[in-house]
Amino acid sequence: MVSGGGFEEIVIDSEICSKDSIDTVLNGKHYNKSVRVHKTVLEALERLLFKAFQQHVQVGFSEDKAKKQLENFLFNQKEKDKSKDYLKELAECYFQFKQGVRQGK
């Protein structure tokens, strides 16, 4: 475990976990609570990363368009192939962006 990185403070300040139980969560003694805490933090980080991605690729992307394309893909057979191509391109761009962030770019 990396200490001093601020993880504990984020978890406590956001009230995901209490100050009294943070040590047992981080060392795995409360396994289910530990998994819940880490999943919650991961979800928050993914949402922040996707918001940064949205700002990074402003051209040709809008949240409304992505939602519409997803609806078409799921429920509209006529538009399925076009929507599939758009969603595939969006996912590829996002994963490239994510990889760049991991590499510090």
Protein backbone atom coordinates (compact mmCIF):
# COMPACT_ATOMS: atom_id res chain seq x y z
CA MET A 1 0.00 0.00 0.00
CA VAL A 2 1.19 3.48 -0.83
CA SER A 3 0.84 5.79 2.12
CA GLY A 4 0.85 9.56 1.97
CA GLY A 5 -0.78 9.65 -1.47
CA GLY A 6 -4.01 11.16 -0.23
CA PHE A 7 -6.20 8.11 -0.85
CA GLU A 8 -7.20 7.85 2.80
CA GLU A 9 -8.09 11.54 2.99
CA ILE A 10 -10.22 11.36 -0.16
CA VAL A 11 -12.11 8.32 1.10
CA ILE A 12 -12.71 9.84 4.54
CA ASP A 13 -13.55 13.37 3.32
CA SER A 14 -16.04 12.02 0.78
CA GLU A 15 -17.59 9.88 3.54
CA ILE A 16 -17.10 6.64 1.62
CA CYS A 17 -15.51 5.19 4.74
CA SER A 18 -15.15 6.37 8.32
CA LYS A 19 -11.86 7.41 9.88
CA ASP A 20 -12.23 4.58 12.40
CA SER A 21 -12.39 1.82 9.78
CA ILE A 22 -10.04 3.12 7.06
CA ASP A 23 -7.06 1.04 8.25
CA THR A 24 -9.02 -2.22 8.21
CA VAL A 25 -10.37 -1.37 4.76
CA LEU A 26 -6.93 -0.61 3.35
CA ASN A 27 -5.27 -3.71 4.78
CA GLY A 28 -8.13 -5.94 3.58
CA LYS A 29 -9.46 -7.11 6.95
CA HIS A 30 -12.96 -5.96 5.92
CA TYR A 31 -12.87 -7.48 2.45
CA ASN A 32 -16.37 -6.55 1.25
CA LYS A 33 -16.08 -2.98 2.49
CA SER A 34 -12.61 -2.74 0.96
CA VAL A 35 -13.92 -3.85 -2.44
CA ARG A 36 -16.81 -1.36 -2.22
CA VAL A 37 -14.47 1.51 -1.33
CA HIS A 38 -12.04 0.74 -4.14
CA LYS A 39 -14.86 0.29 -6.68
CA THR A 40 -16.37 3.62 -5.65
CA VAL A 41 -13.05 5.45 -5.98
CA LEU A 42 -12.37 3.76 -9.33
CA GLU A 43 -15.80 4.85 -10.61
CA ALA A 44 -15.12 8.44 -9.53
CA LEU A 45 -11.72 8.45 -11.23
CA GLU A 46 -13.18 6.98 -14.44
CA ARG A 47 -15.86 9.68 -14.48
CA LEU A 48 -13.24 12.41 -14.04
CA LEU A 49 -11.13 10.88 -16.79
CA PHE A 50 -14.11 10.75 -19.15
CA LYS A 51 -14.90 14.42 -18.42
CA ALA A 52 -11.30 15.28 -19.30
CA PHE A 53 -11.66 13.21 -22.47
CA GLN A 54 -14.81 15.12 -23.43
CA GLN A 55 -12.93 18.41 -23.13
CA HIS A 56 -9.96 16.99 -25.03
CA VAL A 57 -11.99 15.85 -28.08
CA GLN A 58 -14.58 18.61 -28.30
CA VAL A 59 -14.70 18.42 -32.10
CA GLY A 60 -17.23 15.86 -33.32
CA PHE A 61 -18.29 14.70 -29.88
CA SER A 62 -21.21 15.57 -27.70
CA GLU A 63 -22.72 13.66 -24.83
CA ASP A 64 -26.17 13.93 -26.42
CA LYS A 65 -24.89 12.52 -29.71
CA ALA A 66 -23.20 9.63 -27.91
CA LYS A 67 -26.41 8.83 -26.01
CA LYS A 68 -28.45 8.96 -29.23
CA GLN A 69 -25.98 6.68 -31.03
CA LEU A 70 -26.11 4.22 -28.14
CA GLU A 71 -29.92 4.22 -28.22
CA ASN A 72 -29.83 3.63 -31.99
CA PHE A 73 -27.37 0.79 -31.56
CA LEU A 74 -29.51 -0.90 -28.93
CA PHE A 75 -33.02 -0.28 -30.26
CA ASN A 76 -32.95 0.76 -33.94
CA GLN A 77 -31.96 -1.99 -36.38
CA LYS A 78 -31.80 0.41 -39.36
CA GLU A 79 -29.22 2.65 -37.67
CA LYS A 80 -27.32 -0.11 -35.86
CA ASP A 81 -24.29 -0.33 -38.20
CA LYS A 82 -23.76 3.43 -38.39
CA SER A 83 -24.10 3.74 -34.63
CA LYS A 84 -21.76 0.79 -34.10
CA ASP A 85 -19.06 2.53 -36.16
CA TYR A 86 -19.46 5.79 -34.21
CA LEU A 87 -19.39 4.05 -30.83
CA LYS A 88 -16.38 1.96 -31.83
CA GLU A 89 -14.48 5.08 -32.91
CA LEU A 90 -15.47 6.87 -29.70
CA ALA A 91 -14.30 3.93 -27.57
CA GLU A 92 -11.00 3.70 -29.45
CA CYS A 93 -10.37 7.42 -28.98
CA TYR A 94 -11.20 7.16 -25.28
CA PHE A 95 -8.89 4.19 -24.72
CA GLN A 96 -6.06 5.98 -26.58
CA PHE A 97 -6.64 9.04 -24.40
CA LYS A 98 -6.66 6.86 -21.28
CA GLN A 99 -3.41 5.19 -22.32
CA GLY A 100 -1.85 8.61 -22.90
CA VAL A 101 -2.87 9.72 -19.41
CA ARG A 102 -1.32 6.56 -17.96
CA GLN A 103 1.92 7.39 -19.78
CA GLY A 104 1.87 10.96 -18.50
CA LYS A 105 1.12 12.63 -21.83
